[in-house]
Amino acid sequence: MAKEYDYLLKVLLVGDQDVGKTEILNNLDQDPTNEEATYKTTIILLDGKRVKLQIWDASGQGRFCTIIRSYSRGAQGIILVYDITNKWSFQGINRWLKEVDEHAPGIPKVLVGNRLHLAFKRQVAARQAEMYASRHKMACFEISPLCDFNIRESFCELARMALHRNGMERIWRTNKVLSLQELCCRTIVRRIRSVYSIDTLPLPASVKSHLKSYALTSTHNNFYMNNNNNINCNSAKNITCKSPTSSKFSAKNNCSIS
């Protein structure tokens, strides 16, 4: 049977107690076959590829260093969760981040501010969280499980970062869905003999200008080189040379083009 996913990633969900990690997990589609497991799974669609996430909830209870050591083995990404209505949970991110950098250096991370639906009780400004995430090279999202806002987006971004880190992005890059404009440009450019043929097309001047720019990009230069080579080869086939042994051989007129 065909696999139900293309990639499998282990994701660690960390943060202080009562920041809403369970709320986040409950919002995702879960695998009914592993309800008793210590992790939950969900499948996301990323650029046409199915990515299965194993999401491990590292509880905020106990010593966080012990939790990171035991759960970080084999993890490809980490979600750092804080509560936007609790400034202490945001300050606690420093401790988690320190342990993550020590036991899982270089692993992709996403900072998530939970309970955006309680923004009227906000204690952590969005700009403050964005600046903090930028300093530590993390993506940043504010989410709300109650409103189903930005949850899948945050996991998709983490999956993209993880696959890019492991060199997988090049595999699916060619499968990305093209925009309608790019698809039309590609179709037209493939059917013309040269870039100068664009001027003869019954199209508005602005469209012609865009087509010329598209046709002259490095991606399509090889097409024109190959096309010109084919023309030169076809022309060469029509060239006939007289044999030097011929009695009418002349140094000035030894070849003729039919």
Protein backbone atom coordinates (compact mmCIF):
# COMPACT_ATOMS: atom_id res chain seq x y z
CA MET A 1 0.00 0.00 0.00
CA ALA A 2 1.14 3.55 -0.71
CA LYS A 3 2.34 5.60 2.23
CA GLU A 4 -0.13 8.13 3.54
CA TYR A 5 2.58 10.79 3.83
CA ASP A 6 5.77 11.93 2.10
CA TYR A 7 7.78 13.13 5.09
CA LEU A 8 7.70 12.41 8.83
CA LEU A 9 8.85 15.04 11.32
CA LYS A 10 9.12 14.91 15.09
CA VAL A 11 8.09 18.22 16.66
CA LEU A 12 8.52 19.20 20.30
CA LEU A 13 6.02 21.51 22.01
CA VAL A 14 7.58 23.26 25.01
CA GLY A 15 6.61 26.04 27.38
CA ASP A 16 5.68 26.76 30.97
CA GLN A 17 2.69 25.15 32.62
CA ASP A 18 -0.78 26.49 31.74
CA VAL A 19 0.27 28.27 28.54
CA GLY A 20 -2.24 26.22 26.51
CA LYS A 21 -0.17 23.53 24.82
CA THR A 22 -2.98 21.00 25.23
CA GLU A 23 -5.40 23.47 23.65
CA ILE A 24 -3.13 23.68 20.61
CA LEU A 25 -2.89 19.91 20.24
CA ASN A 26 -6.62 19.42 20.61
CA ASN A 27 -7.19 21.82 17.73
CA LEU A 28 -5.26 19.63 15.29
CA ASP A 29 -6.57 16.56 13.51
CA GLN A 30 -5.45 13.60 15.56
CA ASP A 31 -4.68 10.02 14.62
CA PRO A 32 -7.41 7.95 16.31
CA THR A 33 -5.07 4.95 16.52
CA ASN A 34 -2.69 6.56 19.03
CA GLU A 35 -5.00 8.24 21.52
CA GLU A 36 -3.08 6.64 24.41
CA ALA A 37 0.36 7.57 23.06
CA THR A 38 2.56 10.28 24.53
CA TYR A 39 2.41 12.20 21.27
CA LYS A 40 -0.25 13.20 18.76
CA THR A 41 -0.05 13.22 15.01
CA THR A 42 -1.44 15.34 12.22
CA ILE A 43 -0.83 15.56 8.47
CA ILE A 44 -0.37 18.93 6.79
CA LEU A 45 -0.17 19.71 3.09
CA LEU A 46 2.96 21.67 2.23
CA ASP A 47 3.49 22.68 -1.41
CA GLY A 48 1.76 19.55 -2.64
CA LYS A 49 3.63 17.22 -0.26
CA ARG A 50 2.04 15.47 2.71
CA VAL A 51 4.03 16.03 5.88
CA LYS A 52 3.15 13.96 8.93
CA LEU A 53 3.99 15.61 12.25
CA GLN A 54 4.57 13.73 15.47
CA ILE A 55 3.91 16.39 18.08
CA TRP A 56 5.34 15.65 21.51
CA ASP A 57 4.01 17.71 24.42
CA ALA A 58 6.81 18.40 26.88
CA SER A 59 4.84 19.24 30.02
CA GLY A 60 5.80 22.34 31.97
CA GLN A 61 5.93 20.36 35.19
CA GLY A 62 9.22 19.23 36.68
CA ARG A 63 12.69 20.26 35.62
CA PHE A 64 12.67 21.55 32.08
CA CYS A 65 16.29 20.50 31.47
CA THR A 66 15.38 16.85 32.09
CA ILE A 67 12.40 17.17 29.73
CA ILE A 68 14.49 18.62 26.91
CA ARG A 69 17.18 15.97 27.29
CA SER A 70 14.69 13.10 27.04
CA TYR A 71 12.38 14.51 24.36
CA SER A 72 14.79 16.35 22.06
CA ARG A 73 16.44 13.20 20.68
CA GLY A 74 15.54 12.97 17.01
CA ALA A 75 13.38 16.12 17.04
CA GLN A 76 13.39 18.16 13.82
CA GLY A 77 11.59 21.24 15.16
CA ILE A 78 10.46 22.96 18.34
CA ILE A 79 7.46 25.16 19.11
CA LEU A 80 8.09 27.51 22.04
CA VAL A 81 4.74 28.49 23.55
CA TYR A 82 3.89 31.38 25.87
CA ASP A 83 0.64 33.01 26.97
CA ILE A 84 0.19 36.59 25.75
CA THR A 85 -1.85 37.32 28.91
CA ASN A 86 0.99 36.15 31.19
CA LYS A 87 4.28 38.04 31.00
CA TRP A 88 5.99 35.46 33.22
CA SER A 89 5.38 32.74 30.65
CA PHE A 90 7.09 34.92 28.03
CA GLN A 91 10.08 35.51 30.31
CA GLY A 92 10.25 31.73 30.85
CA ILE A 93 11.02 31.29 27.16
CA ASN A 94 14.60 32.31 27.94
CA ARG A 95 15.07 29.22 30.09
CA TRP A 96 13.56 26.90 27.50
CA LEU A 97 15.59 28.46 24.71
CA LYS A 98 18.81 28.06 26.65
CA GLU A 99 18.18 24.35 27.19
CA VAL A 100 17.11 23.85 23.58
CA ASP A 101 20.30 25.47 22.28
CA GLU A 102 22.37 23.28 24.60
CA HIS A 103 20.75 19.91 23.87
CA ALA A 104 19.46 20.47 20.31
CA PRO A 105 21.64 23.16 18.72
CA GLY A 106 20.61 24.50 15.34
CA ILE A 107 17.16 22.97 15.42
CA PRO A 108 14.45 25.14 13.75
CA LYS A 109 12.26 26.98 16.26
CA VAL A 110 8.98 28.89 16.11
CA LEU A 111 7.81 31.24 18.86
CA VAL A 112 4.07 31.04 19.47
CA GLY A 113 1.99 33.44 21.55
CA ASN A 114 -1.17 31.61 22.61
CA ARG A 115 -4.68 32.87 23.48
CA LEU A 116 -4.91 35.74 21.05
CA HIS A 117 -8.68 35.77 21.65
CA LEU A 118 -7.84 37.27 25.07
CA ALA A 119 -5.93 40.18 23.55
CA PHE A 120 -7.83 42.64 25.78
CA LYS A 121 -5.86 41.09 28.70
CA ARG A 122 -2.58 41.24 26.84
CA GLN A 123 0.62 41.55 28.89
CA VAL A 124 3.09 40.81 26.09
CA ALA A 125 3.11 43.17 23.10
CA ALA A 126 3.23 41.60 19.66
CA ARG A 127 6.13 43.86 18.67
CA GLN A 128 8.10 42.72 21.72
CA ALA A 129 7.66 39.07 20.77
CA GLU A 130 8.58 39.74 17.13
CA MET A 131 11.81 41.50 18.11
CA TYR A 132 12.70 38.68 20.50
CA ALA A 133 12.07 36.07 17.80
CA SER A 134 14.11 38.04 15.27
CA ARG A 135 17.10 38.22 17.64
CA HIS A 136 17.05 34.44 18.07
CA LYS A 137 16.31 33.68 14.38
CA MET A 138 12.87 32.24 14.99
CA ALA A 139 9.56 32.62 13.21
CA CYS A 140 6.83 34.23 15.32
CA PHE A 141 3.05 33.70 15.41
CA GLU A 142 0.19 34.71 17.67
CA ILE A 143 -2.49 32.03 17.69
CA SER A 144 -5.90 31.24 19.08
CA PRO A 145 -7.15 27.65 19.43
CA LEU A 146 -10.62 29.00 20.23
CA CYS A 147 -10.82 30.81 16.88
CA ASP A 148 -8.63 28.29 15.01
CA PHE A 149 -6.29 31.11 14.03
CA ASN A 150 -2.68 30.67 12.85
CA ILE A 151 -2.24 27.19 14.37
CA ARG A 152 -1.70 25.24 11.18
CA GLU A 153 0.23 28.16 9.73
CA SER A 154 2.75 28.00 12.56
CA PHE A 155 3.23 24.24 12.14
CA CYS A 156 3.55 24.61 8.36
CA GLU A 157 6.27 27.22 8.81
CA LEU A 158 8.15 24.98 11.23
CA ALA A 159 7.86 22.03 8.84
CA ARG A 160 9.16 24.16 5.98
CA MET A 161 12.15 25.26 8.08
CA ALA A 162 12.87 21.68 9.16
CA LEU A 163 12.74 20.28 5.63
CA HIS A 164 14.90 23.12 4.34
CA ARG A 165 17.49 22.43 7.05
CA ASN A 166 17.60 18.76 6.04
CA GLY A 167 18.01 19.57 2.35
CA MET A 168 14.54 18.39 1.35
CA GLU A 169 13.25 21.65 -0.10
CA ARG A 170 14.91 21.04 -3.48
CA ILE A 171 12.88 17.83 -3.86
CA TRP A 172 9.46 19.48 -3.93
CA ARG A 173 10.41 22.85 -5.36
CA THR A 174 9.62 21.78 -8.93
CA ASN A 175 6.15 20.61 -7.86
CA LYS A 176 4.98 24.00 -6.68
CA VAL A 177 1.72 25.19 -8.21
CA LEU A 178 2.38 28.01 -10.67
CA SER A 179 0.41 31.23 -10.74
CA LEU A 180 -1.91 31.68 -13.71
CA GLN A 181 0.25 34.51 -15.04
CA GLU A 182 3.45 32.46 -14.91
CA LEU A 183 1.69 29.47 -16.47
CA CYS A 184 0.49 31.61 -19.41
CA CYS A 185 3.95 33.14 -19.88
CA ARG A 186 5.62 29.74 -19.87
CA THR A 187 3.15 28.37 -22.41
CA ILE A 188 3.58 31.31 -24.81
CA VAL A 189 7.38 31.41 -24.53
CA ARG A 190 7.68 27.70 -25.30
CA ARG A 191 5.78 28.17 -28.57
CA ILE A 192 7.66 31.11 -30.06
CA ARG A 193 10.85 30.84 -32.10
CA SER A 194 12.67 33.79 -30.54
CA VAL A 195 12.13 36.71 -28.21
CA TYR A 196 11.64 38.98 -31.22
CA SER A 197 8.51 37.05 -32.15
CA ILE A 198 6.76 38.50 -29.11
CA ASP A 199 6.34 41.85 -30.93
CA THR A 200 4.19 40.17 -33.57
CA LEU A 201 1.72 38.77 -31.05
CA PRO A 202 -1.72 40.48 -30.80
CA LEU A 203 -1.24 41.44 -27.15
CA PRO A 204 -1.17 44.71 -25.18
CA ALA A 205 2.19 46.43 -24.89
CA SER A 206 2.38 45.85 -21.13
CA VAL A 207 1.85 42.10 -21.61
CA LYS A 208 4.51 41.98 -24.33
CA SER A 209 6.96 43.74 -22.04
CA HIS A 210 6.33 41.21 -19.30
CA LEU A 211 6.73 38.33 -21.74
CA LYS A 212 10.08 39.68 -22.92
CA SER A 213 11.34 39.97 -19.37
CA TYR A 214 10.18 36.46 -18.64
CA ALA A 215 11.72 35.07 -21.83
CA LEU A 216 15.11 36.66 -21.17
CA THR A 217 15.51 35.23 -17.68
CA SER A 218 18.26 32.72 -17.10
CA THR A 219 15.69 29.95 -16.67
CA HIS A 220 14.74 30.16 -20.33
CA ASN A 221 18.06 31.17 -21.89
CA ASN A 222 18.89 27.52 -22.44
CA PHE A 223 15.71 27.14 -24.45
CA TYR A 224 16.74 29.90 -26.86
CA MET A 225 20.30 28.61 -27.09
CA ASN A 226 19.02 25.15 -27.96
CA ASN A 227 16.54 26.61 -30.41
CA ASN A 228 19.24 28.63 -32.15
CA ASN A 229 21.53 25.60 -32.22
CA ASN A 230 18.80 23.59 -33.91
CA ILE A 231 18.37 26.31 -36.53
CA ASN A 232 22.12 26.42 -37.17
CA CYS A 233 22.24 22.63 -37.46
CA ASN A 234 19.35 22.60 -39.89
CA SER A 235 21.06 25.26 -41.96
CA ALA A 236 24.29 23.31 -41.91
CA LYS A 237 22.52 20.31 -43.38
CA ASN A 238 21.71 22.34 -46.46
CA ILE A 239 25.36 23.24 -47.09
CA THR A 240 27.07 21.16 -49.76
CA CYS A 241 30.80 21.28 -50.39
CA LYS A 242 32.43 20.36 -53.66
CA SER A 243 35.10 17.75 -53.57
CA PRO A 244 38.67 19.09 -53.92
CA THR A 245 39.25 16.47 -56.62
CA SER A 246 36.67 18.07 -58.86
CA SER A 247 38.03 19.68 -61.95
CA LYS A 248 35.89 22.78 -61.31
CA PHE A 249 37.16 23.21 -57.72
CA SER A 250 37.92 26.82 -56.85
CA ALA A 251 39.35 28.23 -53.63
CA LYS A 252 36.94 31.16 -53.81
CA ASN A 253 33.83 29.13 -54.53
CA ASN A 254 34.28 25.77 -52.89
CA CYS A 255 30.92 25.73 -51.04
CA SER A 256 27.40 26.66 -51.96
CA ILE A 257 24.31 26.99 -49.76
CA SER A 258 21.16 25.51 -51.22
